[in-house]
């Protein structure tokens, strides 16, 4: 994944609001320190990382499987459950359950 730091949540919001597909978000800035949104724009896959403590960034993935792996880690890290639609996809099951 390639990362680009951004100073404004407005940039992240603009990408999120204009994405072709949103896969879900992990975390919550109201109750935690970070929020991570995963989306697709055209043929590109992104993580939009919002934080109160560290730099915000846009993460760009080479392909969807790479994004899915990062999603599993981020959702686990931020204590969130994968959205039902995604959780039903066997590629999102932990390695020992797939």
PDB file of N, CA and C in Angstrom:
ATOM      1  N   UNK A   1       0.846  -1.174   0.000  1.00  0.00           N
ATOM      2  CA  UNK A   1       0.000   0.000   0.000  1.00  0.00           C
ATOM      3  C   UNK A   1       0.891   1.237   0.000  1.00  0.00           C
ATOM      4  N   UNK A   2       0.521   2.187  -0.816  1.00  0.00           N
ATOM      5  CA  UNK A   2       1.168   3.496  -0.831  1.00  0.00           C
ATOM      6  C   UNK A   2       0.340   4.445   0.012  1.00  0.00           C
ATOM      7  N   UNK A   3       0.996   5.310   0.784  1.00  0.00           N
ATOM      8  CA  UNK A   3       0.295   6.252   1.655  1.00  0.00           C
ATOM      9  C   UNK A   3       0.654   7.676   1.293  1.00  0.00           C
ATOM     10  N   UNK A   4      -0.357   8.549   1.400  1.00  0.00           N
ATOM     11  CA  UNK A   4      -0.176   9.976   1.204  1.00  0.00           C
ATOM     12  C   UNK A   4      -0.807  10.683   2.395  1.00  0.00           C
ATOM     13  N   UNK A   5       0.002  11.392   3.175  1.00  0.00           N
ATOM     14  CA  UNK A   5      -0.535  12.125   4.321  1.00  0.00           C
ATOM     15  C   UNK A   5      -1.347  13.315   3.834  1.00  0.00           C
ATOM     16  N   UNK A   6      -2.453  13.564   4.520  1.00  0.00           N
ATOM     17  CA  UNK A   6      -3.282  14.733   4.216  1.00  0.00           C
ATOM     18  C   UNK A   6      -3.575  15.465   5.518  1.00  0.00           C
ATOM     19  N   UNK A   7      -3.618  16.789   5.448  1.00  0.00           N
ATOM     20  CA  UNK A   7      -3.810  17.591   6.647  1.00  0.00           C
ATOM     21  C   UNK A   7      -5.265  17.883   6.951  1.00  0.00           C
ATOM     22  N   UNK A   8      -6.145  17.642   6.010  1.00  0.00           N
ATOM     23  CA  UNK A   8      -7.541  18.034   6.183  1.00  0.00           C
ATOM     24  C   UNK A   8      -8.488  16.854   6.034  1.00  0.00           C
ATOM     25  N   UNK A   9      -9.419  16.753   6.958  1.00  0.00           N
ATOM     26  CA  UNK A   9     -10.454  15.727   6.835  1.00  0.00           C
ATOM     27  C   UNK A   9     -11.350  16.022   5.633  1.00  0.00           C
ATOM     28  N   UNK A  10     -11.404  17.275   5.199  1.00  0.00           N
ATOM     29  CA  UNK A  10     -12.234  17.636   4.052  1.00  0.00           C
ATOM     30  C   UNK A  10     -11.812  16.884   2.793  1.00  0.00           C
ATOM     31  N   UNK A  11     -10.508  16.685   2.612  1.00  0.00           N
ATOM     32  CA  UNK A  11     -10.011  15.942   1.453  1.00  0.00           C
ATOM     33  C   UNK A  11     -10.490  14.492   1.521  1.00  0.00           C
ATOM     34  N   UNK A  12     -10.386  13.897   2.710  1.00  0.00           N
ATOM     35  CA  UNK A  12     -10.850  12.524   2.885  1.00  0.00           C
ATOM     36  C   UNK A  12     -12.356  12.428   2.665  1.00  0.00           C
ATOM     37  N   UNK A  13     -13.105  13.401   3.199  1.00  0.00           N
ATOM     38  CA  UNK A  13     -14.559  13.424   3.020  1.00  0.00           C
ATOM     39  C   UNK A  13     -14.942  13.525   1.546  1.00  0.00           C
ATOM     40  N   UNK A  14     -14.216  14.340   0.799  1.00  0.00           N
ATOM     41  CA  UNK A  14     -14.499  14.523  -0.623  1.00  0.00           C
ATOM     42  C   UNK A  14     -14.348  13.213  -1.391  1.00  0.00           C
ATOM     43  N   UNK A  15     -13.280  12.489  -1.106  1.00  0.00           N
ATOM     44  CA  UNK A  15     -13.066  11.197  -1.769  1.00  0.00           C
ATOM     45  C   UNK A  15     -14.149  10.210  -1.358  1.00  0.00           C
ATOM     46  N   UNK A  16     -14.412  10.126  -0.045  1.00  0.00           N
ATOM     47  CA  UNK A  16     -15.422   9.179   0.456  1.00  0.00           C
ATOM     48  C   UNK A  16     -16.797   9.460  -0.149  1.00  0.00           C
ATOM     49  N   UNK A  17     -17.176  10.730  -0.185  1.00  0.00           N
ATOM     50  CA  UNK A  17     -18.512  11.098  -0.661  1.00  0.00           C
ATOM     51  C   UNK A  17     -18.684  10.909  -2.167  1.00  0.00           C
ATOM     52  N   UNK A  18     -17.579  10.851  -2.906  1.00  0.00           N
ATOM     53  CA  UNK A  18     -17.656  10.688  -4.353  1.00  0.00           C
ATOM     54  C   UNK A  18     -17.184   9.316  -4.828  1.00  0.00           C
ATOM     55  N   UNK A  19     -16.992   8.391  -3.901  1.00  0.00           N
ATOM     56  CA  UNK A  19     -16.540   7.047  -4.264  1.00  0.00           C
ATOM     57  C   UNK A  19     -17.625   6.298  -5.039  1.00  0.00           C
ATOM     58  N   UNK A  20     -17.183   5.443  -5.935  1.00  0.00           N
ATOM     59  CA  UNK A  20     -18.114   4.588  -6.673  1.00  0.00           C
ATOM     60  C   UNK A  20     -18.706   3.522  -5.757  1.00  0.00           C
ATOM     61  N   UNK A  21     -17.905   3.053  -4.800  1.00  0.00           N
ATOM     62  CA  UNK A  21     -18.371   2.032  -3.868  1.00  0.00           C
ATOM     63  C   UNK A  21     -17.685   2.228  -2.529  1.00  0.00           C
ATOM     64  N   UNK A  22     -18.460   2.160  -1.461  1.00  0.00           N
ATOM     65  CA  UNK A  22     -17.921   2.191  -0.104  1.00  0.00           C
ATOM     66  C   UNK A  22     -18.068   0.796   0.486  1.00  0.00           C
ATOM     67  N   UNK A  23     -16.969   0.248   0.973  1.00  0.00           N
ATOM     68  CA  UNK A  23     -16.963  -1.115   1.513  1.00  0.00           C
ATOM     69  C   UNK A  23     -17.268  -1.146   3.003  1.00  0.00           C
ATOM     70  N   UNK A  24     -17.126  -0.029   3.685  1.00  0.00           N
ATOM     71  CA  UNK A  24     -17.406   0.016   5.111  1.00  0.00           C
ATOM     72  C   UNK A  24     -16.395   0.866   5.843  1.00  0.00           C
ATOM     73  N   UNK A  25     -16.682   1.093   7.125  1.00  0.00           N
ATOM     74  CA  UNK A  25     -15.756   1.870   7.940  1.00  0.00           C
ATOM     75  C   UNK A  25     -15.560   1.197   9.284  1.00  0.00           C
ATOM     76  N   UNK A  26     -14.353   1.366   9.802  1.00  0.00           N
ATOM     77  CA  UNK A  26     -13.976   0.803  11.098  1.00  0.00           C
ATOM     78  C   UNK A  26     -13.630   1.952  12.027  1.00  0.00           C
ATOM     79  N   UNK A  27     -13.950   1.783  13.287  1.00  0.00           N
ATOM     80  CA  UNK A  27     -13.641   2.815  14.263  1.00  0.00           C
ATOM     81  C   UNK A  27     -14.710   3.882  14.343  1.00  0.00           C
ATOM     82  N   UNK A  28     -14.485   4.840  15.231  1.00  0.00           N
ATOM     83  CA  UNK A  28     -15.449   5.911  15.460  1.00  0.00           C
ATOM     84  C   UNK A  28     -14.731   7.066  16.136  1.00  0.00           C
ATOM     85  N   UNK A  29     -14.745   8.220  15.533  1.00  0.00           N
ATOM     86  CA  UNK A  29     -14.049   9.373  16.110  1.00  0.00           C
ATOM     87  C   UNK A  29     -14.774   9.944  17.322  1.00  0.00           C
ATOM     88  N   UNK A  30     -16.057   9.619  17.493  1.00  0.00           N
ATOM     89  CA  UNK A  30     -16.801  10.097  18.666  1.00  0.00           C
ATOM     90  C   UNK A  30     -16.423   9.316  19.919  1.00  0.00           C
ATOM     91  N   UNK A  31     -16.110   8.037  19.742  1.00  0.00           N
ATOM     92  CA  UNK A  31     -15.794   7.192  20.901  1.00  0.00           C
ATOM     93  C   UNK A  31     -14.358   6.688  20.908  1.00  0.00           C
ATOM     94  N   UNK A  32     -13.607   6.955  19.843  1.00  0.00           N
ATOM     95  CA  UNK A  32     -12.230   6.483  19.751  1.00  0.00           C
ATOM     96  C   UNK A  32     -11.335   7.528  19.117  1.00  0.00           C
ATOM     97  N   UNK A  33     -10.152   7.109  18.744  1.00  0.00           N
ATOM     98  CA  UNK A  33      -9.164   8.037  18.204  1.00  0.00           C
ATOM     99  C   UNK A  33      -9.016   7.969  16.694  1.00  0.00           C
ATOM    100  N   UNK A  34      -9.651   6.984  16.043  1.00  0.00           N
ATOM    101  CA  UNK A  34      -9.434   6.811  14.609  1.00  0.00           C
ATOM    102  C   UNK A  34     -10.679   6.268  13.915  1.00  0.00           C
ATOM    103  N   UNK A  35     -10.750   6.556  12.622  1.00  0.00           N
ATOM    104  CA  UNK A  35     -11.810   6.068  11.750  1.00  0.00           C
ATOM    105  C   UNK A  35     -11.155   5.732  10.426  1.00  0.00           C
ATOM    106  N   UNK A  36     -11.480   4.582   9.886  1.00  0.00           N
ATOM    107  CA  UNK A  36     -10.906   4.143   8.628  1.00  0.00           C
ATOM    108  C   UNK A  36     -12.031   3.743   7.677  1.00  0.00           C
ATOM    109  N   UNK A  37     -12.057   4.354   6.497  1.00  0.00           N
ATOM    110  CA  UNK A  37     -13.070   4.047   5.482  1.00  0.00           C
ATOM    111  C   UNK A  37     -12.382   3.399   4.290  1.00  0.00           C
ATOM    112  N   UNK A  38     -13.023   2.389   3.734  1.00  0.00           N
ATOM    113  CA  UNK A  38     -12.490   1.696   2.571  1.00  0.00           C
ATOM    114  C   UNK A  38     -13.435   1.913   1.403  1.00  0.00           C
ATOM    115  N   UNK A  39     -12.872   2.323   0.263  1.00  0.00           N
ATOM    116  CA  UNK A  39     -13.731   2.638  -0.879  1.00  0.00           C
ATOM    117  C   UNK A  39     -13.018   2.375  -2.198  1.00  0.00           C
ATOM    118  N   UNK A  40     -13.819   2.447  -3.259  1.00  0.00           N
ATOM    119  CA  UNK A  40     -13.310   2.268  -4.609  1.00  0.00           C
ATOM    120  C   UNK A  40     -13.710   3.478  -5.439  1.00  0.00           C
ATOM    121  N   UNK A  41     -12.752   4.022  -6.183  1.00  0.00           N
ATOM    122  CA  UNK A  41     -12.997   5.108  -7.133  1.00  0.00           C
ATOM    123  C   UNK A  41     -12.436   4.630  -8.462  1.00  0.00           C
ATOM    124  N   UNK A  42     -13.319   4.444  -9.427  1.00  0.00           N
ATOM    125  CA  UNK A  42     -12.877   3.880 -10.699  1.00  0.00           C
ATOM    126  C   UNK A  42     -12.326   2.485 -10.463  1.00  0.00           C
ATOM    127  N   UNK A  43     -11.103   2.249 -10.890  1.00  0.00           N
ATOM    128  CA  UNK A  43     -10.466   0.952 -10.694  1.00  0.00           C
ATOM    129  C   UNK A  43      -9.488   0.961  -9.524  1.00  0.00           C
ATOM    130  N   UNK A  44      -9.510   2.020  -8.739  1.00  0.00           N
ATOM    131  CA  UNK A  44      -8.577   2.173  -7.621  1.00  0.00           C
ATOM    132  C   UNK A  44      -9.264   1.915  -6.286  1.00  0.00           C
ATOM    133  N   UNK A  45      -8.505   1.320  -5.363  1.00  0.00           N
ATOM    134  CA  UNK A  45      -9.012   0.975  -4.039  1.00  0.00           C
ATOM    135  C   UNK A  45      -8.246   1.771  -2.989  1.00  0.00           C
ATOM    136  N   UNK A  46      -9.004   2.363  -2.031  1.00  0.00           N
ATOM    137  CA  UNK A  46      -8.408   3.271  -1.063  1.00  0.00           C
ATOM    138  C   UNK A  46      -8.826   2.962   0.372  1.00  0.00           C
ATOM    139  N   UNK A  47      -7.936   3.340   1.298  1.00  0.00           N
ATOM    140  CA  UNK A  47      -8.275   3.461   2.714  1.00  0.00           C
ATOM    141  C   UNK A  47      -8.144   4.934   3.047  1.00  0.00           C
ATOM    142  N   UNK A  48      -9.181   5.490   3.637  1.00  0.00           N
ATOM    143  CA  UNK A  48      -9.166   6.881   4.086  1.00  0.00           C
ATOM    144  C   UNK A  48      -9.074   6.835   5.600  1.00  0.00           C
ATOM    145  N   UNK A  49      -7.943   7.261   6.147  1.00  0.00           N
ATOM    146  CA  UNK A  49      -7.675   7.117   7.572  1.00  0.00           C
ATOM    147  C   UNK A  49      -7.753   8.467   8.262  1.00  0.00           C
ATOM    148  N   UNK A  50      -8.730   8.605   9.151  1.00  0.00           N
ATOM    149  CA  UNK A  50      -8.932   9.811   9.949  1.00  0.00           C
ATOM    150  C   UNK A  50      -8.410   9.536  11.356  1.00  0.00           C
ATOM    151  N   UNK A  51      -7.694  10.506  11.941  1.00  0.00           N
ATOM    152  CA  UNK A  51      -7.186  10.298  13.291  1.00  0.00           C
ATOM    153  C   UNK A  51      -7.129  11.605  14.069  1.00  0.00           C
ATOM    154  N   UNK A  52      -7.391  11.483  15.367  1.00  0.00           N
ATOM    155  CA  UNK A  52      -7.229  12.623  16.276  1.00  0.00           C
ATOM    156  C   UNK A  52      -5.801  12.695  16.805  1.00  0.00           C
ATOM    157  N   UNK A  53      -5.038  11.598  16.684  1.00  0.00           N
ATOM    158  CA  UNK A  53      -3.722  11.528  17.330  1.00  0.00           C
ATOM    159  C   UNK A  53      -2.533  11.524  16.370  1.00  0.00           C
ATOM    160  N   UNK A  54      -2.680  10.900  15.227  1.00  0.00           N
ATOM    161  CA  UNK A  54      -1.576  10.794  14.265  1.00  0.00           C
ATOM    162  C   UNK A  54      -2.018  11.382  12.929  1.00  0.00           C
ATOM    163  N   UNK A  55      -1.113  11.384  11.972  1.00  0.00           N
ATOM    164  CA  UNK A  55      -1.418  11.964  10.662  1.00  0.00           C
ATOM    165  C   UNK A  55      -2.542  11.216   9.956  1.00  0.00           C
ATOM    166  N   UNK A  56      -3.414  11.967   9.314  1.00  0.00           N
ATOM    167  CA  UNK A  56      -4.443  11.395   8.449  1.00  0.00           C
ATOM    168  C   UNK A  56      -3.758  10.989   7.151  1.00  0.00           C
ATOM    169  N   UNK A  57      -4.303   9.967   6.488  1.00  0.00           N
ATOM    170  CA  UNK A  57      -3.693   9.590   5.212  1.00  0.00           C
ATOM    171  C   UNK A  57      -4.697   8.918   4.286  1.00  0.00           C
ATOM    172  N   UNK A  58      -4.304   8.902   3.021  1.00  0.00           N
ATOM    173  CA  UNK A  58      -4.998   8.140   1.989  1.00  0.00           C
ATOM    174  C   UNK A  58      -4.076   6.978   1.662  1.00  0.00           C
ATOM    175  N   UNK A  59      -4.599   5.771   1.795  1.00  0.00           N
ATOM    176  CA  UNK A  59      -3.844   4.582   1.417  1.00  0.00           C
ATOM    177  C   UNK A  59      -4.367   4.070   0.085  1.00  0.00           C
ATOM    178  N   UNK A  60      -3.474   3.789  -0.845  1.00  0.00           N
ATOM    179  CA  UNK A  60      -3.859   3.272  -2.157  1.00  0.00           C
ATOM    180  C   UNK A  60      -3.355   1.839  -2.288  1.00  0.00           C
ATOM    181  N   UNK A  61      -4.252   0.945  -2.685  1.00  0.00           N
ATOM    182  CA  UNK A  61      -3.916  -0.468  -2.833  1.00  0.00           C
ATOM    183  C   UNK A  61      -3.762  -0.821  -4.305  1.00  0.00           C
ATOM    184  N   UNK A  62      -2.913  -1.797  -4.587  1.00  0.00           N
ATOM    185  CA  UNK A  62      -2.685  -2.236  -5.960  1.00  0.00           C
ATOM    186  C   UNK A  62      -3.893  -2.971  -6.535  1.00  0.00           C
ATOM    187  N   UNK A  63      -4.674  -3.618  -5.640  1.00  0.00           N
ATOM    188  CA  UNK A  63      -5.814  -4.401  -6.120  1.00  0.00           C
ATOM    189  C   UNK A  63      -6.789  -4.647  -4.958  1.00  0.00           C
ATOM    190  N   UNK A  64      -7.922  -5.216  -5.283  1.00  0.00           N
ATOM    191  CA  UNK A  64      -8.947  -5.463  -4.261  1.00  0.00           C
ATOM    192  C   UNK A  64      -8.506  -6.474  -3.196  1.00  0.00           C
ATOM    193  N   UNK A  65      -7.848  -7.580  -3.562  1.00  0.00           N
ATOM    194  CA  UNK A  65      -7.405  -8.513  -2.512  1.00  0.00           C
ATOM    195  C   UNK A  65      -6.480  -7.842  -1.484  1.00  0.00           C
ATOM    196  N   UNK A  66      -5.596  -6.965  -1.932  1.00  0.00           N
ATOM    197  CA  UNK A  66      -4.719  -6.256  -1.002  1.00  0.00           C
ATOM    198  C   UNK A  66      -5.543  -5.383  -0.052  1.00  0.00           C
ATOM    199  N   UNK A  67      -6.580  -4.722  -0.589  1.00  0.00           N
ATOM    200  CA  UNK A  67      -7.450  -3.905   0.249  1.00  0.00           C
ATOM    201  C   UNK A  67      -8.216  -4.770   1.248  1.00  0.00           C
ATOM    202  N   UNK A  68      -8.686  -5.926   0.807  1.00  0.00           N
ATOM    203  CA  UNK A  68      -9.426  -6.822   1.703  1.00  0.00           C
ATOM    204  C   UNK A  68      -8.563  -7.283   2.878  1.00  0.00           C
ATOM    205  N   UNK A  69      -7.308  -7.593   2.614  1.00  0.00           N
ATOM    206  CA  UNK A  69      -6.405  -7.991   3.696  1.00  0.00           C
ATOM    207  C   UNK A  69      -6.234  -6.846   4.695  1.00  0.00           C
ATOM    208  N   UNK A  70      -6.063  -5.644   4.179  1.00  0.00           N
ATOM    209  CA  UNK A  70      -5.908  -4.474   5.058  1.00  0.00           C
ATOM    210  C   UNK A  70      -7.194  -4.202   5.842  1.00  0.00           C
ATOM    211  N   UNK A  71      -8.335  -4.426   5.215  1.00  0.00           N
ATOM    212  CA  UNK A  71      -9.616  -4.232   5.905  1.00  0.00           C
ATOM    213  C   UNK A  71      -9.739  -5.157   7.104  1.00  0.00           C
ATOM    214  N   UNK A  72      -9.409  -6.439   6.910  1.00  0.00           N
ATOM    215  CA  UNK A  72      -9.502  -7.399   8.012  1.00  0.00           C
ATOM    216  C   UNK A  72      -8.652  -6.933   9.190  1.00  0.00           C
ATOM    217  N   UNK A  73      -7.428  -6.505   8.897  1.00  0.00           N
ATOM    218  CA  UNK A  73      -6.533  -6.040   9.959  1.00  0.00           C
ATOM    219  C   UNK A  73      -7.065  -4.790  10.645  1.00  0.00           C
ATOM    220  N   UNK A  74      -7.509  -3.812   9.858  1.00  0.00           N
ATOM    221  CA  UNK A  74      -7.960  -2.538  10.420  1.00  0.00           C
ATOM    222  C   UNK A  74      -9.236  -2.725  11.244  1.00  0.00           C
ATOM    223  N   UNK A  75     -10.182  -3.505  10.756  1.00  0.00           N
ATOM    224  CA  UNK A  75     -11.410  -3.725  11.508  1.00  0.00           C
ATOM    225  C   UNK A  75     -11.100  -4.395  12.834  1.00  0.00           C
ATOM    226  N   UNK A  76     -10.176  -5.351  12.815  1.00  0.00           N
ATOM    227  CA  UNK A  76      -9.777  -6.022  14.048  1.00  0.00           C
ATOM    228  C   UNK A  76      -9.062  -5.046  14.981  1.00  0.00           C
ATOM    229  N   UNK A  77      -8.152  -4.276  14.433  1.00  0.00           N
ATOM    230  CA  UNK A  77      -7.368  -3.310  15.209  1.00  0.00           C
ATOM    231  C   UNK A  77      -8.250  -2.263  15.892  1.00  0.00           C
ATOM    232  N   UNK A  78      -9.281  -1.803  15.190  1.00  0.00           N
ATOM    233  CA  UNK A  78     -10.144  -0.754  15.728  1.00  0.00           C
ATOM    234  C   UNK A  78     -11.373  -1.313  16.446  1.00  0.00           C
ATOM    235  N   UNK A  79     -11.434  -2.634  16.595  1.00  0.00           N
ATOM    236  CA  UNK A  79     -12.509  -3.253  17.353  1.00  0.00           C
ATOM    237  C   UNK A  79     -13.871  -3.147  16.704  1.00  0.00           C
ATOM    238  N   UNK A  80     -13.908  -3.178  15.387  1.00  0.00           N
ATOM    239  CA  UNK A  80     -15.172  -3.081  14.657  1.00  0.00           C
ATOM    240  C   UNK A  80     -15.480  -4.407  13.974  1.00  0.00           C
ATOM    241  N   UNK A  81     -16.759  -4.595  13.682  1.00  0.00           N
ATOM    242  CA  UNK A  81     -17.172  -5.780  12.941  1.00  0.00           C
ATOM    243  C   UNK A  81     -17.264  -5.427  11.469  1.00  0.00           C
ATOM    244  N   UNK A  82     -16.859  -6.360  10.626  1.00  0.00           N
ATOM    245  CA  UNK A  82     -17.005  -6.159   9.193  1.00  0.00           C
ATOM    246  C   UNK A  82     -18.484  -6.029   8.854  1.00  0.00           C
ATOM    247  N   UNK A  83     -18.834  -5.186   7.884  1.00  0.00           N
ATOM    248  CA  UNK A  83     -20.231  -5.098   7.455  1.00  0.00           C
ATOM    249  C   UNK A  83     -20.744  -6.472   7.036  1.00  0.00           C
ATOM    250  N   UNK A  84     -22.027  -6.738   7.274  1.00  0.00           N
ATOM    251  CA  UNK A  84     -22.606  -8.067   7.019  1.00  0.00           C
ATOM    252  C   UNK A  84     -22.364  -8.542   5.591  1.00  0.00           C
ATOM    253  N   UNK A  85     -22.556  -7.656   4.626  1.00  0.00           N
ATOM    254  CA  UNK A  85     -22.370  -8.019   3.216  1.00  0.00           C
ATOM    255  C   UNK A  85     -20.957  -8.532   2.966  1.00  0.00           C
ATOM    256  N   UNK A  86     -19.987  -7.912   3.612  1.00  0.00           N
ATOM    257  CA  UNK A  86     -18.596  -8.297   3.426  1.00  0.00           C
ATOM    258  C   UNK A  86     -18.260  -9.521   4.267  1.00  0.00           C
ATOM    259  N   UNK A  87     -18.792  -9.581   5.465  1.00  0.00           N
ATOM    260  CA  UNK A  87     -18.515 -10.711   6.348  1.00  0.00           C
ATOM    261  C   UNK A  87     -19.020 -12.027   5.742  1.00  0.00           C
ATOM    262  N   UNK A  88     -20.068 -11.964   4.922  1.00  0.00           N
ATOM    263  CA  UNK A  88     -20.605 -13.158   4.278  1.00  0.00           C
ATOM    264  C   UNK A  88     -19.681 -13.661   3.172  1.00  0.00           C
ATOM    265  N   UNK A  89     -18.778 -12.815   2.698  1.00  0.00           N
ATOM    266  CA  UNK A  89     -17.830 -13.185   1.660  1.00  0.00           C
ATOM    267  C   UNK A  89     -16.727 -14.032   2.305  1.00  0.00           C
ATOM    268  N   UNK A  90     -16.575 -15.264   1.883  1.00  0.00           N
ATOM    269  CA  UNK A  90     -15.629 -16.191   2.518  1.00  0.00           C
ATOM    270  C   UNK A  90     -14.189 -15.683   2.487  1.00  0.00           C
ATOM    271  N   UNK A  91     -13.857 -14.798   1.565  1.00  0.00           N
ATOM    272  CA  UNK A  91     -12.482 -14.293   1.511  1.00  0.00           C
ATOM    273  C   UNK A  91     -12.180 -13.397   2.712  1.00  0.00           C
ATOM    274  N   UNK A  92     -13.195 -12.997   3.465  1.00  0.00           N
ATOM    275  CA  UNK A  92     -12.968 -12.167   4.644  1.00  0.00           C
ATOM    276  C   UNK A  92     -12.899 -12.988   5.925  1.00  0.00           C
ATOM    277  N   UNK A  93     -13.129 -14.302   5.836  1.00  0.00           N
ATOM    278  CA  UNK A  93     -13.022 -15.126   7.025  1.00  0.00           C
ATOM    279  C   UNK A  93     -11.576 -15.228   7.477  1.00  0.00           C
ATOM    280  N   UNK A  94     -11.353 -15.368   8.771  1.00  0.00           N
ATOM    281  CA  UNK A  94      -9.973 -15.583   9.228  1.00  0.00           C
ATOM    282  C   UNK A  94      -9.388 -16.788   8.509  1.00  0.00           C
ATOM    283  N   UNK A  95      -8.078 -16.784   8.337  1.00  0.00           N
ATOM    284  CA  UNK A  95      -7.404 -17.834   7.578  1.00  0.00           C
ATOM    285  C   UNK A  95      -7.737 -19.238   8.054  1.00  0.00           C
ATOM    286  N   UNK A  96      -7.936 -19.419   9.369  1.00  0.00           N
ATOM    287  CA  UNK A  96      -8.217 -20.754   9.879  1.00  0.00           C
ATOM    288  C   UNK A  96      -9.675 -21.167   9.700  1.00  0.00           C
ATOM    289  N   UNK A  97     -10.540 -20.251   9.222  1.00  0.00           N
ATOM    290  CA  UNK A  97     -11.952 -20.588   9.012  1.00  0.00           C
ATOM    291  C   UNK A  97     -12.305 -20.655   7.525  1.00  0.00           C
ATOM    292  N   UNK A  98     -11.415 -20.210   6.637  1.00  0.00           N
ATOM    293  CA  UNK A  98     -11.727 -20.106   5.222  1.00  0.00           C
ATOM    294  C   UNK A  98     -11.645 -21.366   4.461  1.00  0.00           C
TER     295      UNK A  98
END
